[in-house]
Amino acid sequence: AVAFVPISGWHGDNMLEVSSKMPWFKGWSVERKEGKAEGKCLIEALDAILPPTRPTDKALRLPLQDVYKIGGIGTVPVGRVET
């Protein structure tokens, strides 16, 4: 689920703290396996986002991003180690 949070970046309303200029907004709530998350401003919605879990029990992989051919050294594969 996606939380809807009305904000005004120009005036800073509802970004870091609850704004008195939006009395119609009662807040948002999201229910998930980990529990219920709720709030009224943007920073609370951002804090409620759960980071994705990494499969630490799987083998490491090196997806190749590029291959460089350097004279005197040879072919150098470039990538990032991931799980």
N, C-alpha and C. Protein backbone atom coordinates (compact mmCIF):
# COMPACT_ATOMS: atom_id res chain seq x y z
N ALA A 1 0.83 -1.18 0.00
CA ALA A 1 0.00 0.00 0.00
C ALA A 1 0.88 1.25 0.00
N VAL A 2 0.36 2.30 -0.55
CA VAL A 2 1.09 3.56 -0.64
C VAL A 2 0.34 4.60 0.18
N ALA A 3 1.08 5.29 1.04
CA ALA A 3 0.46 6.33 1.87
C ALA A 3 0.35 7.63 1.07
N PHE A 4 -0.81 8.26 1.12
CA PHE A 4 -1.01 9.57 0.50
C PHE A 4 -0.81 10.63 1.57
N VAL A 5 0.11 11.55 1.33
CA VAL A 5 0.39 12.61 2.28
C VAL A 5 0.37 13.94 1.54
N PRO A 6 -0.62 14.80 1.79
CA PRO A 6 -0.63 16.11 1.14
C PRO A 6 0.41 17.02 1.79
N ILE A 7 1.22 17.67 0.95
CA ILE A 7 2.26 18.56 1.47
C ILE A 7 2.30 19.84 0.64
N SER A 8 2.96 20.83 1.17
CA SER A 8 3.28 22.04 0.42
C SER A 8 4.77 22.29 0.63
N GLY A 9 5.57 21.96 -0.38
CA GLY A 9 7.00 22.18 -0.28
C GLY A 9 7.35 23.66 -0.26
N TRP A 10 6.50 24.46 -0.88
CA TRP A 10 6.75 25.90 -0.94
C TRP A 10 6.67 26.52 0.45
N HIS A 11 5.65 26.10 1.22
CA HIS A 11 5.44 26.65 2.56
C HIS A 11 5.94 25.72 3.66
N GLY A 12 6.30 24.49 3.31
CA GLY A 12 6.78 23.53 4.31
C GLY A 12 5.67 22.91 5.13
N ASP A 13 4.45 22.93 4.60
CA ASP A 13 3.32 22.37 5.34
C ASP A 13 3.31 20.85 5.24
N ASN A 14 3.17 20.20 6.38
CA ASN A 14 3.02 18.75 6.49
C ASN A 14 4.27 17.98 6.07
N MET A 15 5.42 18.63 6.06
CA MET A 15 6.64 17.93 5.68
C MET A 15 7.33 17.32 6.90
N LEU A 16 7.67 18.14 7.88
CA LEU A 16 8.34 17.64 9.08
C LEU A 16 7.42 17.55 10.28
N GLU A 17 6.40 18.37 10.28
CA GLU A 17 5.43 18.33 11.38
C GLU A 17 4.04 18.61 10.84
N VAL A 18 3.04 18.26 11.62
CA VAL A 18 1.65 18.39 11.19
C VAL A 18 1.32 19.87 10.99
N SER A 19 0.64 20.17 9.87
CA SER A 19 0.28 21.54 9.54
C SER A 19 -1.14 21.86 9.99
N SER A 20 -1.32 23.06 10.50
CA SER A 20 -2.66 23.50 10.90
C SER A 20 -3.47 23.97 9.69
N LYS A 21 -2.81 24.08 8.51
CA LYS A 21 -3.50 24.54 7.31
C LYS A 21 -4.21 23.41 6.56
N MET A 22 -4.09 22.18 7.06
CA MET A 22 -4.75 21.04 6.42
C MET A 22 -5.57 20.27 7.45
N PRO A 23 -6.60 20.90 8.03
CA PRO A 23 -7.38 20.21 9.06
C PRO A 23 -8.21 19.06 8.51
N TRP A 24 -8.44 19.03 7.22
CA TRP A 24 -9.24 17.97 6.60
C TRP A 24 -8.47 16.65 6.53
N PHE A 25 -7.13 16.69 6.61
CA PHE A 25 -6.33 15.47 6.49
C PHE A 25 -6.21 14.82 7.87
N LYS A 26 -6.78 13.63 7.99
CA LYS A 26 -6.80 12.93 9.28
C LYS A 26 -5.61 12.01 9.48
N GLY A 27 -4.79 11.81 8.46
CA GLY A 27 -3.63 10.94 8.59
C GLY A 27 -3.75 9.73 7.68
N TRP A 28 -2.72 8.92 7.68
CA TRP A 28 -2.67 7.72 6.85
C TRP A 28 -2.32 6.53 7.75
N SER A 29 -2.67 5.34 7.29
CA SER A 29 -2.29 4.13 8.02
C SER A 29 -2.12 2.99 7.02
N VAL A 30 -1.14 2.14 7.30
CA VAL A 30 -0.83 1.00 6.45
C VAL A 30 -0.70 -0.22 7.35
N GLU A 31 -1.40 -1.29 7.00
CA GLU A 31 -1.28 -2.54 7.74
C GLU A 31 -0.49 -3.53 6.91
N ARG A 32 0.48 -4.17 7.55
CA ARG A 32 1.31 -5.18 6.88
C ARG A 32 1.68 -6.25 7.89
N LYS A 33 2.43 -7.25 7.44
CA LYS A 33 2.79 -8.37 8.31
C LYS A 33 3.55 -7.91 9.55
N GLU A 34 4.41 -6.93 9.41
CA GLU A 34 5.25 -6.47 10.50
C GLU A 34 4.48 -5.65 11.53
N GLY A 35 3.28 -5.24 11.19
CA GLY A 35 2.48 -4.43 12.09
C GLY A 35 1.86 -3.25 11.36
N LYS A 36 1.21 -2.41 12.11
CA LYS A 36 0.53 -1.25 11.54
C LYS A 36 1.42 -0.02 11.65
N ALA A 37 1.47 0.76 10.59
CA ALA A 37 2.20 2.02 10.58
C ALA A 37 1.21 3.13 10.27
N GLU A 38 1.34 4.23 10.99
CA GLU A 38 0.45 5.36 10.75
C GLU A 38 1.16 6.66 11.06
N GLY A 39 0.64 7.74 10.50
CA GLY A 39 1.23 9.05 10.73
C GLY A 39 0.44 10.13 10.02
N LYS A 40 0.97 11.34 10.09
CA LYS A 40 0.27 12.47 9.48
C LYS A 40 1.15 13.32 8.58
N CYS A 41 2.48 13.23 8.70
CA CYS A 41 3.34 14.08 7.87
C CYS A 41 4.29 13.24 7.02
N LEU A 42 4.97 13.90 6.10
CA LEU A 42 5.81 13.22 5.12
C LEU A 42 6.97 12.48 5.76
N ILE A 43 7.61 13.05 6.76
CA ILE A 43 8.76 12.39 7.38
C ILE A 43 8.35 11.09 8.06
N GLU A 44 7.14 11.04 8.60
CA GLU A 44 6.64 9.80 9.21
C GLU A 44 6.38 8.74 8.14
N ALA A 45 5.90 9.17 6.97
CA ALA A 45 5.67 8.22 5.88
C ALA A 45 6.98 7.67 5.36
N LEU A 46 8.00 8.52 5.25
CA LEU A 46 9.31 8.05 4.79
C LEU A 46 9.95 7.12 5.81
N ASP A 47 9.79 7.41 7.09
CA ASP A 47 10.35 6.54 8.13
C ASP A 47 9.65 5.19 8.20
N ALA A 48 8.41 5.12 7.72
CA ALA A 48 7.66 3.87 7.77
C ALA A 48 7.99 2.92 6.63
N ILE A 49 8.76 3.38 5.64
CA ILE A 49 9.13 2.51 4.52
C ILE A 49 10.14 1.48 5.01
N LEU A 50 9.85 0.21 4.77
CA LEU A 50 10.75 -0.86 5.17
C LEU A 50 11.76 -1.14 4.06
N PRO A 51 13.04 -1.21 4.40
CA PRO A 51 14.03 -1.52 3.36
C PRO A 51 13.88 -2.97 2.91
N PRO A 52 14.19 -3.26 1.65
CA PRO A 52 14.06 -4.64 1.17
C PRO A 52 15.08 -5.54 1.86
N THR A 53 14.68 -6.78 2.09
CA THR A 53 15.59 -7.74 2.72
C THR A 53 16.51 -8.33 1.67
N ARG A 54 17.74 -8.55 2.05
CA ARG A 54 18.71 -9.17 1.14
C ARG A 54 18.83 -10.65 1.49
N PRO A 55 18.90 -11.48 0.46
CA PRO A 55 19.03 -12.93 0.72
C PRO A 55 20.45 -13.28 1.14
N THR A 56 20.76 -13.14 2.43
CA THR A 56 22.12 -13.38 2.91
C THR A 56 22.49 -14.86 2.92
N ASP A 57 21.52 -15.74 2.77
CA ASP A 57 21.81 -17.17 2.75
C ASP A 57 22.14 -17.68 1.35
N LYS A 58 22.06 -16.84 0.35
CA LYS A 58 22.35 -17.23 -1.04
C LYS A 58 23.81 -16.97 -1.38
N ALA A 59 24.24 -17.53 -2.51
CA ALA A 59 25.62 -17.35 -2.96
C ALA A 59 25.85 -15.92 -3.47
N LEU A 60 27.10 -15.48 -3.37
CA LEU A 60 27.46 -14.16 -3.89
C LEU A 60 27.60 -14.22 -5.41
N ARG A 61 27.24 -13.13 -6.07
CA ARG A 61 27.33 -13.04 -7.53
C ARG A 61 28.00 -11.73 -7.89
N LEU A 62 28.59 -11.70 -9.08
CA LEU A 62 29.23 -10.49 -9.59
C LEU A 62 28.62 -10.15 -10.94
N PRO A 63 27.51 -9.40 -10.96
CA PRO A 63 26.96 -8.96 -12.25
C PRO A 63 27.93 -7.99 -12.91
N LEU A 64 28.30 -8.29 -14.15
CA LEU A 64 29.27 -7.46 -14.85
C LEU A 64 28.63 -6.17 -15.33
N GLN A 65 29.31 -5.08 -15.07
CA GLN A 65 28.86 -3.78 -15.53
C GLN A 65 29.58 -3.40 -16.81
N ASP A 66 30.87 -3.73 -16.87
CA ASP A 66 31.66 -3.38 -18.04
C ASP A 66 32.93 -4.23 -18.05
N VAL A 67 33.59 -4.29 -19.18
CA VAL A 67 34.86 -5.00 -19.32
C VAL A 67 35.84 -4.04 -19.98
N TYR A 68 36.96 -3.81 -19.30
CA TYR A 68 38.00 -2.91 -19.81
C TYR A 68 39.19 -3.73 -20.28
N LYS A 69 39.75 -3.32 -21.40
CA LYS A 69 40.98 -3.94 -21.89
C LYS A 69 42.10 -2.93 -21.70
N ILE A 70 42.95 -3.19 -20.71
CA ILE A 70 44.01 -2.26 -20.35
C ILE A 70 45.33 -2.85 -20.84
N GLY A 71 46.05 -2.06 -21.65
CA GLY A 71 47.33 -2.52 -22.18
C GLY A 71 48.34 -2.77 -21.08
N GLY A 72 49.04 -3.90 -21.14
CA GLY A 72 50.04 -4.25 -20.14
C GLY A 72 49.46 -4.96 -18.94
N ILE A 73 48.14 -4.88 -18.74
CA ILE A 73 47.49 -5.55 -17.61
C ILE A 73 46.60 -6.67 -18.11
N GLY A 74 45.78 -6.38 -19.09
CA GLY A 74 44.88 -7.38 -19.65
C GLY A 74 43.44 -6.95 -19.56
N THR A 75 42.56 -7.92 -19.57
CA THR A 75 41.12 -7.68 -19.51
C THR A 75 40.68 -7.59 -18.05
N VAL A 76 39.96 -6.52 -17.71
CA VAL A 76 39.52 -6.29 -16.33
C VAL A 76 38.00 -6.23 -16.30
N PRO A 77 37.34 -7.25 -15.72
CA PRO A 77 35.88 -7.17 -15.57
C PRO A 77 35.53 -6.26 -14.39
N VAL A 78 34.48 -5.45 -14.55
CA VAL A 78 34.05 -4.52 -13.51
C VAL A 78 32.60 -4.81 -13.17
N GLY A 79 32.30 -4.86 -11.88
CA GLY A 79 30.93 -5.12 -11.45
C GLY A 79 30.79 -4.86 -9.96
N ARG A 80 29.67 -5.31 -9.41
CA ARG A 80 29.38 -5.13 -8.00
C ARG A 80 29.00 -6.47 -7.39
N VAL A 81 29.60 -6.82 -6.28
CA VAL A 81 29.28 -8.07 -5.60
C VAL A 81 27.92 -7.94 -4.94
N GLU A 82 27.01 -8.87 -5.25
CA GLU A 82 25.66 -8.86 -4.69
C GLU A 82 25.31 -10.24 -4.16
N THR A 83 24.24 -10.30 -3.37
CA THR A 83 23.76 -11.59 -2.89
C THR A 83 22.61 -12.07 -3.73
